[in-house]
């Protein structure tokens, strides 16, 4: 009786770290997809606003920031550029802290992931 219970406990102890990493990795992936979708939408809407109001840089940034609810504003950067004179380019970058960052940091890596979304549109 005792050996079976001990075996179950050892099996549980061996599989628990793998199971936790699988769960945390899945959660990280979902957060990455959500965050990228959010900043891509913010870059697109900032560029759409910039097409209509090309000289309103503060308005373009405000429009993009307004659409990034749920993200840490301190980790967000927005850049507006006019590369060809008749086009506007809005880049939104976000430094996303990962749930599995403690393991990556242990291995010598960075515990954050830099996400970038760029939208270029022609000014009308």
PDB file of N, CA and C in Angstrom:
ATOM      1  N   UNK A   1       0.822  -1.204   0.000  1.00  0.00           N
ATOM      2  CA  UNK A   1       0.000   0.000   0.000  1.00  0.00           C
ATOM      3  C   UNK A   1       0.862   1.263   0.000  1.00  0.00           C
ATOM      4  N   UNK A   2       1.891   1.280   0.870  1.00  0.00           N
ATOM      5  CA  UNK A   2       2.721   2.468   0.957  1.00  0.00           C
ATOM      6  C   UNK A   2       3.546   2.672  -0.301  1.00  0.00           C
ATOM      7  N   UNK A   3       3.994   1.630  -0.913  1.00  0.00           N
ATOM      8  CA  UNK A   3       4.834   1.784  -2.097  1.00  0.00           C
ATOM      9  C   UNK A   3       4.051   2.352  -3.270  1.00  0.00           C
ATOM     10  N   UNK A   4       2.774   2.003  -3.383  1.00  0.00           N
ATOM     11  CA  UNK A   4       1.942   2.537  -4.469  1.00  0.00           C
ATOM     12  C   UNK A   4       1.704   4.028  -4.260  1.00  0.00           C
ATOM     13  N   UNK A   5       1.429   4.433  -3.034  1.00  0.00           N
ATOM     14  CA  UNK A   5       1.206   5.850  -2.757  1.00  0.00           C
ATOM     15  C   UNK A   5       2.484   6.647  -2.968  1.00  0.00           C
ATOM     16  N   UNK A   6       3.600   6.076  -2.585  1.00  0.00           N
ATOM     17  CA  UNK A   6       4.878   6.746  -2.798  1.00  0.00           C
ATOM     18  C   UNK A   6       5.202   6.880  -4.275  1.00  0.00           C
ATOM     19  N   UNK A   7       4.859   5.858  -5.035  1.00  0.00           N
ATOM     20  CA  UNK A   7       5.094   5.902  -6.481  1.00  0.00           C
ATOM     21  C   UNK A   7       4.238   6.989  -7.116  1.00  0.00           C
ATOM     22  N   UNK A   8       2.993   7.104  -6.695  1.00  0.00           N
ATOM     23  CA  UNK A   8       2.112   8.152  -7.222  1.00  0.00           C
ATOM     24  C   UNK A   8       2.665   9.542  -6.921  1.00  0.00           C
ATOM     25  N   UNK A   9       3.181   9.711  -5.721  1.00  0.00           N
ATOM     26  CA  UNK A   9       3.735  11.002  -5.329  1.00  0.00           C
ATOM     27  C   UNK A   9       4.971  11.351  -6.168  1.00  0.00           C
ATOM     28  N   UNK A  10       5.825  10.385  -6.410  1.00  0.00           N
ATOM     29  CA  UNK A  10       7.016  10.616  -7.224  1.00  0.00           C
ATOM     30  C   UNK A  10       6.620  10.942  -8.662  1.00  0.00           C
ATOM     31  N   UNK A  11       5.657  10.217  -9.213  1.00  0.00           N
ATOM     32  CA  UNK A  11       5.189  10.495 -10.575  1.00  0.00           C
ATOM     33  C   UNK A  11       4.607  11.905 -10.670  1.00  0.00           C
ATOM     34  N   UNK A  12       3.838  12.292  -9.668  1.00  0.00           N
ATOM     35  CA  UNK A  12       3.249  13.634  -9.637  1.00  0.00           C
ATOM     36  C   UNK A  12       4.350  14.694  -9.565  1.00  0.00           C
ATOM     37  N   UNK A  13       5.358  14.462  -8.724  1.00  0.00           N
ATOM     38  CA  UNK A  13       6.456  15.419  -8.586  1.00  0.00           C
ATOM     39  C   UNK A  13       7.257  15.539  -9.882  1.00  0.00           C
ATOM     40  N   UNK A  14       7.353  14.471 -10.646  1.00  0.00           N
ATOM     41  CA  UNK A  14       8.095  14.517 -11.905  1.00  0.00           C
ATOM     42  C   UNK A  14       7.320  15.225 -13.013  1.00  0.00           C
ATOM     43  N   UNK A  15       6.016  15.065 -13.042  1.00  0.00           N
ATOM     44  CA  UNK A  15       5.211  15.629 -14.133  1.00  0.00           C
ATOM     45  C   UNK A  15       4.766  17.065 -13.840  1.00  0.00           C
ATOM     46  N   UNK A  16       4.728  17.469 -12.574  1.00  0.00           N
ATOM     47  CA  UNK A  16       4.235  18.801 -12.212  1.00  0.00           C
ATOM     48  C   UNK A  16       5.017  19.940 -12.880  1.00  0.00           C
ATOM     49  N   UNK A  17       6.350  19.959 -12.873  1.00  0.00           N
ATOM     50  CA  UNK A  17       7.057  21.060 -13.547  1.00  0.00           C
ATOM     51  C   UNK A  17       6.764  21.128 -15.044  1.00  0.00           C
ATOM     52  N   UNK A  18       6.663  19.983 -15.682  1.00  0.00           N
ATOM     53  CA  UNK A  18       6.359  19.957 -17.115  1.00  0.00           C
ATOM     54  C   UNK A  18       4.961  20.512 -17.362  1.00  0.00           C
ATOM     55  N   UNK A  19       4.019  20.106 -16.545  1.00  0.00           N
ATOM     56  CA  UNK A  19       2.641  20.578 -16.683  1.00  0.00           C
ATOM     57  C   UNK A  19       2.547  22.086 -16.443  1.00  0.00           C
ATOM     58  N   UNK A  20       3.244  22.576 -15.423  1.00  0.00           N
ATOM     59  CA  UNK A  20       3.229  24.019 -15.145  1.00  0.00           C
ATOM     60  C   UNK A  20       3.847  24.817 -16.289  1.00  0.00           C
ATOM     61  N   UNK A  21       4.941  24.329 -16.863  1.00  0.00           N
ATOM     62  CA  UNK A  21       5.560  25.031 -17.991  1.00  0.00           C
ATOM     63  C   UNK A  21       4.636  25.033 -19.207  1.00  0.00           C
ATOM     64  N   UNK A  22       3.927  23.945 -19.414  1.00  0.00           N
ATOM     65  CA  UNK A  22       2.976  23.887 -20.522  1.00  0.00           C
ATOM     66  C   UNK A  22       1.852  24.906 -20.324  1.00  0.00           C
ATOM     67  N   UNK A  23       1.350  25.006 -19.119  1.00  0.00           N
ATOM     68  CA  UNK A  23       0.271  25.959 -18.820  1.00  0.00           C
ATOM     69  C   UNK A  23       0.782  27.398 -18.943  1.00  0.00           C
ATOM     70  N   UNK A  24       1.947  27.688 -18.351  1.00  0.00           N
ATOM     71  CA  UNK A  24       2.498  29.045 -18.427  1.00  0.00           C
ATOM     72  C   UNK A  24       2.874  29.417 -19.860  1.00  0.00           C
ATOM     73  N   UNK A  25       3.400  28.469 -20.614  1.00  0.00           N
ATOM     74  CA  UNK A  25       3.735  28.730 -22.014  1.00  0.00           C
ATOM     75  C   UNK A  25       2.505  29.038 -22.845  1.00  0.00           C
ATOM     76  N   UNK A  26       1.423  28.316 -22.589  1.00  0.00           N
ATOM     77  CA  UNK A  26       0.166  28.577 -23.292  1.00  0.00           C
ATOM     78  C   UNK A  26      -0.375  29.955 -22.929  1.00  0.00           C
ATOM     79  N   UNK A  27      -0.298  30.305 -21.647  1.00  0.00           N
ATOM     80  CA  UNK A  27      -0.757  31.628 -21.212  1.00  0.00           C
ATOM     81  C   UNK A  27       0.114  32.725 -21.829  1.00  0.00           C
ATOM     82  N   UNK A  28       1.433  32.524 -21.865  1.00  0.00           N
ATOM     83  CA  UNK A  28       2.331  33.494 -22.508  1.00  0.00           C
ATOM     84  C   UNK A  28       1.971  33.687 -23.974  1.00  0.00           C
ATOM     85  N   UNK A  29       1.721  32.596 -24.676  1.00  0.00           N
ATOM     86  CA  UNK A  29       1.372  32.680 -26.094  1.00  0.00           C
ATOM     87  C   UNK A  29       0.085  33.485 -26.283  1.00  0.00           C
ATOM     88  N   UNK A  30      -0.913  33.238 -25.443  1.00  0.00           N
ATOM     89  CA  UNK A  30      -2.178  33.973 -25.550  1.00  0.00           C
ATOM     90  C   UNK A  30      -1.967  35.461 -25.278  1.00  0.00           C
ATOM     91  N   UNK A  31      -1.150  35.791 -24.298  1.00  0.00           N
ATOM     92  CA  UNK A  31      -0.883  37.192 -23.973  1.00  0.00           C
ATOM     93  C   UNK A  31      -0.108  37.864 -25.107  1.00  0.00           C
ATOM     94  N   UNK A  32       0.825  37.140 -25.727  1.00  0.00           N
ATOM     95  CA  UNK A  32       1.584  37.685 -26.854  1.00  0.00           C
ATOM     96  C   UNK A  32       0.651  37.996 -28.019  1.00  0.00           C
ATOM     97  N   UNK A  33      -0.249  37.069 -28.334  1.00  0.00           N
ATOM     98  CA  UNK A  33      -1.187  37.281 -29.446  1.00  0.00           C
ATOM     99  C   UNK A  33      -2.096  38.472 -29.151  1.00  0.00           C
ATOM    100  N   UNK A  34      -2.623  38.560 -27.931  1.00  0.00           N
ATOM    101  CA  UNK A  34      -3.489  39.682 -27.556  1.00  0.00           C
ATOM    102  C   UNK A  34      -2.733  41.006 -27.652  1.00  0.00           C
ATOM    103  N   UNK A  35      -1.515  41.042 -27.115  1.00  0.00           N
ATOM    104  CA  UNK A  35      -0.737  42.283 -27.109  1.00  0.00           C
ATOM    105  C   UNK A  35      -0.372  42.716 -28.522  1.00  0.00           C
ATOM    106  N   UNK A  36       0.035  41.769 -29.370  1.00  0.00           N
ATOM    107  CA  UNK A  36       0.382  42.129 -30.742  1.00  0.00           C
ATOM    108  C   UNK A  36      -0.846  42.632 -31.493  1.00  0.00           C
ATOM    109  N   UNK A  37      -1.972  41.979 -31.308  1.00  0.00           N
ATOM    110  CA  UNK A  37      -3.201  42.424 -31.967  1.00  0.00           C
ATOM    111  C   UNK A  37      -3.564  43.839 -31.520  1.00  0.00           C
ATOM    112  N   UNK A  38      -3.380  44.124 -30.242  1.00  0.00           N
ATOM    113  CA  UNK A  38      -3.687  45.450 -29.705  1.00  0.00           C
ATOM    114  C   UNK A  38      -2.783  46.520 -30.309  1.00  0.00           C
ATOM    115  N   UNK A  39      -1.467  46.270 -30.366  1.00  0.00           N
ATOM    116  CA  UNK A  39      -0.578  47.305 -30.901  1.00  0.00           C
ATOM    117  C   UNK A  39      -0.704  47.428 -32.418  1.00  0.00           C
ATOM    118  N   UNK A  40      -1.026  46.332 -33.109  1.00  0.00           N
ATOM    119  CA  UNK A  40      -1.242  46.417 -34.563  1.00  0.00           C
ATOM    120  C   UNK A  40      -2.471  47.264 -34.860  1.00  0.00           C
ATOM    121  N   UNK A  41      -3.520  47.091 -34.070  1.00  0.00           N
ATOM    122  CA  UNK A  41      -4.726  47.894 -34.233  1.00  0.00           C
ATOM    123  C   UNK A  41      -4.431  49.362 -33.914  1.00  0.00           C
ATOM    124  N   UNK A  42      -3.635  49.611 -32.873  1.00  0.00           N
ATOM    125  CA  UNK A  42      -3.290  50.990 -32.511  1.00  0.00           C
ATOM    126  C   UNK A  42      -2.474  51.659 -33.615  1.00  0.00           C
ATOM    127  N   UNK A  43      -1.530  50.944 -34.202  1.00  0.00           N
ATOM    128  CA  UNK A  43      -0.724  51.511 -35.296  1.00  0.00           C
ATOM    129  C   UNK A  43      -1.599  51.807 -36.507  1.00  0.00           C
ATOM    130  N   UNK A  44      -2.503  50.909 -36.825  1.00  0.00           N
ATOM    131  CA  UNK A  44      -3.388  51.109 -37.980  1.00  0.00           C
ATOM    132  C   UNK A  44      -4.304  52.315 -37.766  1.00  0.00           C
ATOM    133  N   UNK A  45      -4.903  52.411 -36.595  1.00  0.00           N
ATOM    134  CA  UNK A  45      -5.816  53.527 -36.333  1.00  0.00           C
ATOM    135  C   UNK A  45      -5.066  54.853 -36.222  1.00  0.00           C
ATOM    136  N   UNK A  46      -3.846  54.827 -35.679  1.00  0.00           N
ATOM    137  CA  UNK A  46      -3.029  56.043 -35.658  1.00  0.00           C
ATOM    138  C   UNK A  46      -2.702  56.511 -37.065  1.00  0.00           C
ATOM    139  N   UNK A  47      -2.378  55.568 -37.946  1.00  0.00           N
ATOM    140  CA  UNK A  47      -2.088  55.925 -39.342  1.00  0.00           C
ATOM    141  C   UNK A  47      -3.342  56.427 -40.047  1.00  0.00           C
ATOM    142  N   UNK A  48      -4.480  55.821 -39.771  1.00  0.00           N
ATOM    143  CA  UNK A  48      -5.734  56.284 -40.389  1.00  0.00           C
ATOM    144  C   UNK A  48      -6.050  57.709 -39.952  1.00  0.00           C
ATOM    145  N   UNK A  49      -5.817  58.010 -38.672  1.00  0.00           N
ATOM    146  CA  UNK A  49      -6.030  59.376 -38.190  1.00  0.00           C
ATOM    147  C   UNK A  49      -5.029  60.319 -38.861  1.00  0.00           C
ATOM    148  N   UNK A  50      -3.782  59.857 -39.024  1.00  0.00           N
ATOM    149  CA  UNK A  50      -2.748  60.677 -39.642  1.00  0.00           C
ATOM    150  C   UNK A  50      -2.982  60.949 -41.111  1.00  0.00           C
ATOM    151  N   UNK A  51      -3.704  60.077 -41.792  1.00  0.00           N
ATOM    152  CA  UNK A  51      -4.038  60.310 -43.203  1.00  0.00           C
ATOM    153  C   UNK A  51      -4.939  61.530 -43.325  1.00  0.00           C
ATOM    154  N   UNK A  52      -5.861  61.674 -42.394  1.00  0.00           N
ATOM    155  CA  UNK A  52      -6.810  62.792 -42.422  1.00  0.00           C
ATOM    156  C   UNK A  52      -6.197  64.050 -41.798  1.00  0.00           C
ATOM    157  N   UNK A  53      -5.394  63.878 -40.740  1.00  0.00           N
ATOM    158  CA  UNK A  53      -4.782  65.009 -40.023  1.00  0.00           C
ATOM    159  C   UNK A  53      -3.262  64.818 -39.992  1.00  0.00           C
ATOM    160  N   UNK A  54      -2.567  65.002 -41.106  1.00  0.00           N
ATOM    161  CA  UNK A  54      -1.137  64.674 -41.159  1.00  0.00           C
ATOM    162  C   UNK A  54      -0.235  65.551 -40.294  1.00  0.00           C
ATOM    163  N   UNK A  55      -0.667  66.737 -39.923  1.00  0.00           N
ATOM    164  CA  UNK A  55       0.195  67.618 -39.131  1.00  0.00           C
ATOM    165  C   UNK A  55      -0.049  67.494 -37.630  1.00  0.00           C
ATOM    166  N   UNK A  56      -1.045  66.749 -37.225  1.00  0.00           N
ATOM    167  CA  UNK A  56      -1.414  66.620 -35.812  1.00  0.00           C
ATOM    168  C   UNK A  56      -0.700  65.421 -35.182  1.00  0.00           C
ATOM    169  N   UNK A  57       0.600  65.586 -34.879  1.00  0.00           N
ATOM    170  CA  UNK A  57       1.379  64.480 -34.313  1.00  0.00           C
ATOM    171  C   UNK A  57       0.864  64.056 -32.942  1.00  0.00           C
ATOM    172  N   UNK A  58       0.480  65.032 -32.120  1.00  0.00           N
ATOM    173  CA  UNK A  58      -0.048  64.699 -30.797  1.00  0.00           C
ATOM    174  C   UNK A  58      -1.360  63.932 -30.922  1.00  0.00           C
ATOM    175  N   UNK A  59      -2.188  64.300 -31.872  1.00  0.00           N
ATOM    176  CA  UNK A  59      -3.450  63.598 -32.089  1.00  0.00           C
ATOM    177  C   UNK A  59      -3.244  62.174 -32.576  1.00  0.00           C
ATOM    178  N   UNK A  60      -2.237  61.983 -33.431  1.00  0.00           N
ATOM    179  CA  UNK A  60      -1.931  60.636 -33.919  1.00  0.00           C
ATOM    180  C   UNK A  60      -1.495  59.750 -32.755  1.00  0.00           C
ATOM    181  N   UNK A  61      -0.609  60.276 -31.913  1.00  0.00           N
ATOM    182  CA  UNK A  61      -0.142  59.493 -30.763  1.00  0.00           C
ATOM    183  C   UNK A  61      -1.274  59.239 -29.772  1.00  0.00           C
ATOM    184  N   UNK A  62      -2.110  60.252 -29.544  1.00  0.00           N
ATOM    185  CA  UNK A  62      -3.246  60.076 -28.639  1.00  0.00           C
ATOM    186  C   UNK A  62      -4.198  59.011 -29.157  1.00  0.00           C
ATOM    187  N   UNK A  63      -4.470  59.021 -30.456  1.00  0.00           N
ATOM    188  CA  UNK A  63      -5.355  58.021 -31.051  1.00  0.00           C
ATOM    189  C   UNK A  63      -4.779  56.617 -30.867  1.00  0.00           C
ATOM    190  N   UNK A  64      -3.484  56.474 -31.092  1.00  0.00           N
ATOM    191  CA  UNK A  64      -2.853  55.162 -30.945  1.00  0.00           C
ATOM    192  C   UNK A  64      -2.839  54.717 -29.484  1.00  0.00           C
ATOM    193  N   UNK A  65      -2.525  55.636 -28.572  1.00  0.00           N
ATOM    194  CA  UNK A  65      -2.485  55.273 -27.143  1.00  0.00           C
ATOM    195  C   UNK A  65      -3.870  54.916 -26.608  1.00  0.00           C
ATOM    196  N   UNK A  66      -4.884  55.565 -27.123  1.00  0.00           N
ATOM    197  CA  UNK A  66      -6.239  55.301 -26.645  1.00  0.00           C
ATOM    198  C   UNK A  66      -6.652  53.848 -26.917  1.00  0.00           C
ATOM    199  N   UNK A  67      -6.079  53.254 -27.947  1.00  0.00           N
ATOM    200  CA  UNK A  67      -6.456  51.894 -28.328  1.00  0.00           C
ATOM    201  C   UNK A  67      -5.566  50.823 -27.702  1.00  0.00           C
ATOM    202  N   UNK A  68      -4.713  51.210 -26.758  1.00  0.00           N
ATOM    203  CA  UNK A  68      -3.827  50.236 -26.121  1.00  0.00           C
ATOM    204  C   UNK A  68      -4.221  49.974 -24.673  1.00  0.00           C
ATOM    205  N   UNK A  69      -5.498  50.018 -24.373  1.00  0.00           N
ATOM    206  CA  UNK A  69      -5.955  49.703 -23.021  1.00  0.00           C
ATOM    207  C   UNK A  69      -5.576  48.276 -22.678  1.00  0.00           C
ATOM    208  N   UNK A  70      -5.189  48.058 -21.444  1.00  0.00           N
ATOM    209  CA  UNK A  70      -4.789  46.732 -21.012  1.00  0.00           C
ATOM    210  C   UNK A  70      -3.289  46.511 -21.089  1.00  0.00           C
ATOM    211  N   UNK A  71      -2.574  47.436 -21.737  1.00  0.00           N
ATOM    212  CA  UNK A  71      -1.118  47.341 -21.820  1.00  0.00           C
ATOM    213  C   UNK A  71      -0.497  48.398 -20.912  1.00  0.00           C
ATOM    214  N   UNK A  72       0.698  48.125 -20.415  1.00  0.00           N
ATOM    215  CA  UNK A  72       1.406  49.057 -19.543  1.00  0.00           C
ATOM    216  C   UNK A  72       1.887  50.259 -20.357  1.00  0.00           C
ATOM    217  N   UNK A  73       1.374  51.468 -20.073  1.00  0.00           N
ATOM    218  CA  UNK A  73       1.769  52.644 -20.856  1.00  0.00           C
ATOM    219  C   UNK A  73       3.266  52.958 -20.765  1.00  0.00           C
ATOM    220  N   UNK A  74       3.917  52.585 -19.667  1.00  0.00           N
ATOM    221  CA  UNK A  74       5.347  52.863 -19.516  1.00  0.00           C
ATOM    222  C   UNK A  74       6.195  52.008 -20.460  1.00  0.00           C
ATOM    223  N   UNK A  75       5.670  50.880 -20.901  1.00  0.00           N
ATOM    224  CA  UNK A  75       6.414  49.978 -21.791  1.00  0.00           C
ATOM    225  C   UNK A  75       6.060  50.181 -23.255  1.00  0.00           C
ATOM    226  N   UNK A  76       5.292  51.220 -23.540  1.00  0.00           N
ATOM    227  CA  UNK A  76       4.781  51.464 -24.888  1.00  0.00           C
ATOM    228  C   UNK A  76       5.511  52.644 -25.520  1.00  0.00           C
ATOM    229  N   UNK A  77       5.880  52.524 -26.790  1.00  0.00           N
ATOM    230  CA  UNK A  77       6.462  53.664 -27.507  1.00  0.00           C
ATOM    231  C   UNK A  77       5.811  53.772 -28.878  1.00  0.00           C
ATOM    232  N   UNK A  78       5.554  55.016 -29.282  1.00  0.00           N
ATOM    233  CA  UNK A  78       4.885  55.291 -30.555  1.00  0.00           C
ATOM    234  C   UNK A  78       5.754  56.269 -31.337  1.00  0.00           C
ATOM    235  N   UNK A  79       6.022  55.933 -32.592  1.00  0.00           N
ATOM    236  CA  UNK A  79       6.824  56.802 -33.459  1.00  0.00           C
ATOM    237  C   UNK A  79       6.050  57.071 -34.740  1.00  0.00           C
ATOM    238  N   UNK A  80       6.046  58.344 -35.159  1.00  0.00           N
ATOM    239  CA  UNK A  80       5.372  58.751 -36.396  1.00  0.00           C
ATOM    240  C   UNK A  80       6.437  59.288 -37.340  1.00  0.00           C
ATOM    241  N   UNK A  81       6.369  58.856 -38.594  1.00  0.00           N
ATOM    242  CA  UNK A  81       7.365  59.251 -39.583  1.00  0.00           C
ATOM    243  C   UNK A  81       6.664  59.488 -40.918  1.00  0.00           C
ATOM    244  N   UNK A  82       7.248  60.352 -41.728  1.00  0.00           N
ATOM    245  CA  UNK A  82       6.746  60.618 -43.083  1.00  0.00           C
ATOM    246  C   UNK A  82       7.863  60.254 -44.068  1.00  0.00           C
ATOM    247  N   UNK A  83       8.020  58.967 -44.418  1.00  0.00           N
ATOM    248  CA  UNK A  83       9.181  58.541 -45.210  1.00  0.00           C
ATOM    249  C   UNK A  83       9.226  59.064 -46.638  1.00  0.00           C
ATOM    250  N   UNK A  84       8.111  59.175 -47.306  1.00  0.00           N
ATOM    251  CA  UNK A  84       8.145  59.596 -48.703  1.00  0.00           C
ATOM    252  C   UNK A  84       7.531  60.952 -48.937  1.00  0.00           C
ATOM    253  N   UNK A  85       7.152  61.630 -47.898  1.00  0.00           N
ATOM    254  CA  UNK A  85       6.493  62.916 -48.054  1.00  0.00           C
ATOM    255  C   UNK A  85       4.994  62.779 -48.211  1.00  0.00           C
ATOM    256  N   UNK A  86       4.542  61.800 -48.961  1.00  0.00           N
ATOM    257  CA  UNK A  86       3.099  61.615 -49.149  1.00  0.00           C
ATOM    258  C   UNK A  86       2.607  60.339 -48.463  1.00  0.00           C
ATOM    259  N   UNK A  87       3.442  59.750 -47.612  1.00  0.00           N
ATOM    260  CA  UNK A  87       3.014  58.588 -46.826  1.00  0.00           C
ATOM    261  C   UNK A  87       3.275  58.853 -45.355  1.00  0.00           C
ATOM    262  N   UNK A  88       2.506  58.196 -44.526  1.00  0.00           N
ATOM    263  CA  UNK A  88       2.697  58.276 -43.078  1.00  0.00           C
ATOM    264  C   UNK A  88       2.995  56.870 -42.574  1.00  0.00           C
ATOM    265  N   UNK A  89       3.917  56.799 -41.641  1.00  0.00           N
ATOM    266  CA  UNK A  89       4.319  55.516 -41.061  1.00  0.00           C
ATOM    267  C   UNK A  89       4.200  55.636 -39.549  1.00  0.00           C
ATOM    268  N   UNK A  90       3.383  54.778 -38.957  1.00  0.00           N
ATOM    269  CA  UNK A  90       3.202  54.770 -37.508  1.00  0.00           C
ATOM    270  C   UNK A  90       3.723  53.440 -36.978  1.00  0.00           C
ATOM    271  N   UNK A  91       4.644  53.521 -36.030  1.00  0.00           N
ATOM    272  CA  UNK A  91       5.209  52.322 -35.408  1.00  0.00           C
ATOM    273  C   UNK A  91       4.864  52.322 -33.930  1.00  0.00           C
ATOM    274  N   UNK A  92       4.294  51.234 -33.464  1.00  0.00           N
ATOM    275  CA  UNK A  92       3.984  51.061 -32.049  1.00  0.00           C
ATOM    276  C   UNK A  92       4.816  49.877 -31.557  1.00  0.00           C
ATOM    277  N   UNK A  93       5.589  50.099 -30.502  1.00  0.00           N
ATOM    278  CA  UNK A  93       6.425  49.044 -29.920  1.00  0.00           C
ATOM    279  C   UNK A  93       6.032  48.860 -28.461  1.00  0.00           C
ATOM    280  N   UNK A  94       6.105  47.619 -28.002  1.00  0.00           N
ATOM    281  CA  UNK A  94       5.710  47.302 -26.631  1.00  0.00           C
ATOM    282  C   UNK A  94       6.650  46.251 -26.064  1.00  0.00           C
ATOM    283  N   UNK A  95       7.179  46.510 -24.876  1.00  0.00           N
ATOM    284  CA  UNK A  95       8.022  45.542 -24.172  1.00  0.00           C
ATOM    285  C   UNK A  95       7.135  44.728 -23.239  1.00  0.00           C
ATOM    286  N   UNK A  96       6.885  43.490 -23.616  1.00  0.00           N
ATOM    287  CA  UNK A  96       5.959  42.614 -22.902  1.00  0.00           C
ATOM    288  C   UNK A  96       6.709  41.737 -21.905  1.00  0.00           C
ATOM    289  N   UNK A  97       6.393  41.845 -20.606  1.00  0.00           N
ATOM    290  CA  UNK A  97       7.006  40.930 -19.637  1.00  0.00           C
ATOM    291  C   UNK A  97       6.351  39.548 -19.752  1.00  0.00           C
ATOM    292  N   UNK A  98       7.175  38.513 -19.782  1.00  0.00           N
ATOM    293  CA  UNK A  98       6.667  37.157 -19.970  1.00  0.00           C
ATOM    294  C   UNK A  98       6.438  36.454 -18.635  1.00  0.00           C
ATOM    295  N   UNK A  99       5.426  35.596 -18.585  1.00  0.00           N
ATOM    296  CA  UNK A  99       5.180  34.792 -17.390  1.00  0.00           C
ATOM    297  C   UNK A  99       6.310  33.793 -17.164  1.00  0.00           C
ATOM    298  N   UNK A 100       6.859  33.287 -18.242  1.00  0.00           N
ATOM    299  CA  UNK A 100       7.960  32.326 -18.146  1.00  0.00           C
ATOM    300  C   UNK A 100       9.312  33.034 -18.148  1.00  0.00           C
ATOM    301  N   UNK A 101       9.312  34.319 -17.900  1.00  0.00           N
ATOM    302  CA  UNK A 101      10.539  35.102 -17.927  1.00  0.00           C
ATOM    303  C   UNK A 101      11.562  34.678 -16.893  1.00  0.00           C
ATOM    304  N   UNK A 102      11.113  34.150 -15.757  1.00  0.00           N
ATOM    305  CA  UNK A 102      12.059  33.730 -14.727  1.00  0.00           C
ATOM    306  C   UNK A 102      12.946  32.588 -15.225  1.00  0.00           C
ATOM    307  N   UNK A 103      12.408  31.719 -16.051  1.00  0.00           N
ATOM    308  CA  UNK A 103      13.220  30.630 -16.612  1.00  0.00           C
ATOM    309  C   UNK A 103      14.175  31.145 -17.678  1.00  0.00           C
ATOM    310  N   UNK A 104      13.688  32.058 -18.498  1.00  0.00           N
ATOM    311  CA  UNK A 104      14.527  32.621 -19.553  1.00  0.00           C
ATOM    312  C   UNK A 104      15.661  33.435 -18.935  1.00  0.00           C
ATOM    313  N   UNK A 105      15.343  34.181 -17.866  1.00  0.00           N
ATOM    314  CA  UNK A 105      16.357  34.975 -17.170  1.00  0.00           C
ATOM    315  C   UNK A 105      17.414  34.058 -16.542  1.00  0.00           C
ATOM    316  N   UNK A 106      16.984  32.914 -16.018  1.00  0.00           N
ATOM    317  CA  UNK A 106      17.912  31.948 -15.438  1.00  0.00           C
ATOM    318  C   UNK A 106      18.890  31.429 -16.488  1.00  0.00           C
ATOM    319  N   UNK A 107      18.411  31.273 -17.713  1.00  0.00           N
ATOM    320  CA  UNK A 107      19.257  30.786 -18.804  1.00  0.00           C
ATOM    321  C   UNK A 107      20.098  31.904 -19.423  1.00  0.00           C
ATOM    322  N   UNK A 108      19.976  33.133 -18.905  1.00  0.00           N
ATOM    323  CA  UNK A 108      20.789  34.239 -19.400  1.00  0.00           C
ATOM    324  C   UNK A 108      20.105  35.107 -20.435  1.00  0.00           C
ATOM    325  N   UNK A 109      18.826  34.916 -20.662  1.00  0.00           N
ATOM    326  CA  UNK A 109      18.100  35.705 -21.654  1.00  0.00           C
ATOM    327  C   UNK A 109      17.329  36.848 -21.020  1.00  0.00           C
ATOM    328  N   UNK A 110      16.534  37.503 -21.828  1.00  0.00           N
ATOM    329  CA  UNK A 110      15.715  38.621 -21.364  1.00  0.00           C
ATOM    330  C   UNK A 110      14.326  38.109 -20.993  1.00  0.00           C
ATOM    331  N   UNK A 111      13.763  38.661 -19.934  1.00  0.00           N
ATOM    332  CA  UNK A 111      12.441  38.221 -19.495  1.00  0.00           C
ATOM    333  C   UNK A 111      11.323  39.028 -20.154  1.00  0.00           C
ATOM    334  N   UNK A 112      11.680  39.905 -21.100  1.00  0.00           N
ATOM    335  CA  UNK A 112      10.670  40.658 -21.840  1.00  0.00           C
ATOM    336  C   UNK A 112      10.803  40.369 -23.330  1.00  0.00           C
ATOM    337  N   UNK A 113       9.704  40.530 -24.019  1.00  0.00           N
ATOM    338  CA  UNK A 113       9.666  40.332 -25.463  1.00  0.00           C
ATOM    339  C   UNK A 113       9.248  41.651 -26.100  1.00  0.00           C
ATOM    340  N   UNK A 114      10.014  42.134 -27.068  1.00  0.00           N
ATOM    341  CA  UNK A 114       9.695  43.400 -27.752  1.00  0.00           C
ATOM    342  C   UNK A 114       8.813  43.103 -28.949  1.00  0.00           C
ATOM    343  N   UNK A 115       7.599  43.632 -28.908  1.00  0.00           N
ATOM    344  CA  UNK A 115       6.653  43.488 -30.010  1.00  0.00           C
ATOM    345  C   UNK A 115       6.622  44.793 -30.796  1.00  0.00           C
ATOM    346  N   UNK A 116       6.584  44.707 -32.125  1.00  0.00           N
ATOM    347  CA  UNK A 116       6.533  45.893 -32.987  1.00  0.00           C
ATOM    348  C   UNK A 116       5.455  45.714 -34.031  1.00  0.00           C
ATOM    349  N   UNK A 117       4.689  46.773 -34.241  1.00  0.00           N
ATOM    350  CA  UNK A 117       3.699  46.794 -35.316  1.00  0.00           C
ATOM    351  C   UNK A 117       3.878  48.104 -36.075  1.00  0.00           C
ATOM    352  N   UNK A 118       3.963  48.008 -37.389  1.00  0.00           N
ATOM    353  CA  UNK A 118       4.183  49.181 -38.235  1.00  0.00           C
ATOM    354  C   UNK A 118       3.083  49.227 -39.284  1.00  0.00           C
ATOM    355  N   UNK A 119       2.506  50.414 -39.469  1.00  0.00           N
ATOM    356  CA  UNK A 119       1.511  50.623 -40.518  1.00  0.00           C
ATOM    357  C   UNK A 119       1.940  51.823 -41.351  1.00  0.00           C
ATOM    358  N   UNK A 120       1.907  51.667 -42.665  1.00  0.00           N
ATOM    359  CA  UNK A 120       2.216  52.751 -43.595  1.00  0.00           C
ATOM    360  C   UNK A 120       1.007  52.974 -44.485  1.00  0.00           C
ATOM    361  N   UNK A 121       0.583  54.230 -44.594  1.00  0.00           N
ATOM    362  CA  UNK A 121      -0.558  54.593 -45.443  1.00  0.00           C
ATOM    363  C   UNK A 121      -0.216  55.834 -46.250  1.00  0.00           C
ATOM    364  N   UNK A 122      -0.887  55.979 -47.366  1.00  0.00           N
ATOM    365  CA  UNK A 122      -0.686  57.145 -48.226  1.00  0.00           C
ATOM    366  C   UNK A 122      -1.585  58.284 -47.765  1.00  0.00           C
ATOM    367  N   UNK A 123      -0.991  59.478 -47.653  1.00  0.00           N
ATOM    368  CA  UNK A 123      -1.751  60.662 -47.248  1.00  0.00           C
ATOM    369  C   UNK A 123      -2.546  61.153 -48.446  1.00  0.00           C
ATOM    370  N   UNK A 124      -3.806  61.412 -48.214  1.00  0.00           N
ATOM    371  CA  UNK A 124      -4.680  61.853 -49.319  1.00  0.00           C
ATOM    372  C   UNK A 124      -4.823  63.349 -49.342  1.00  0.00           C
TER     373      UNK A 124
END
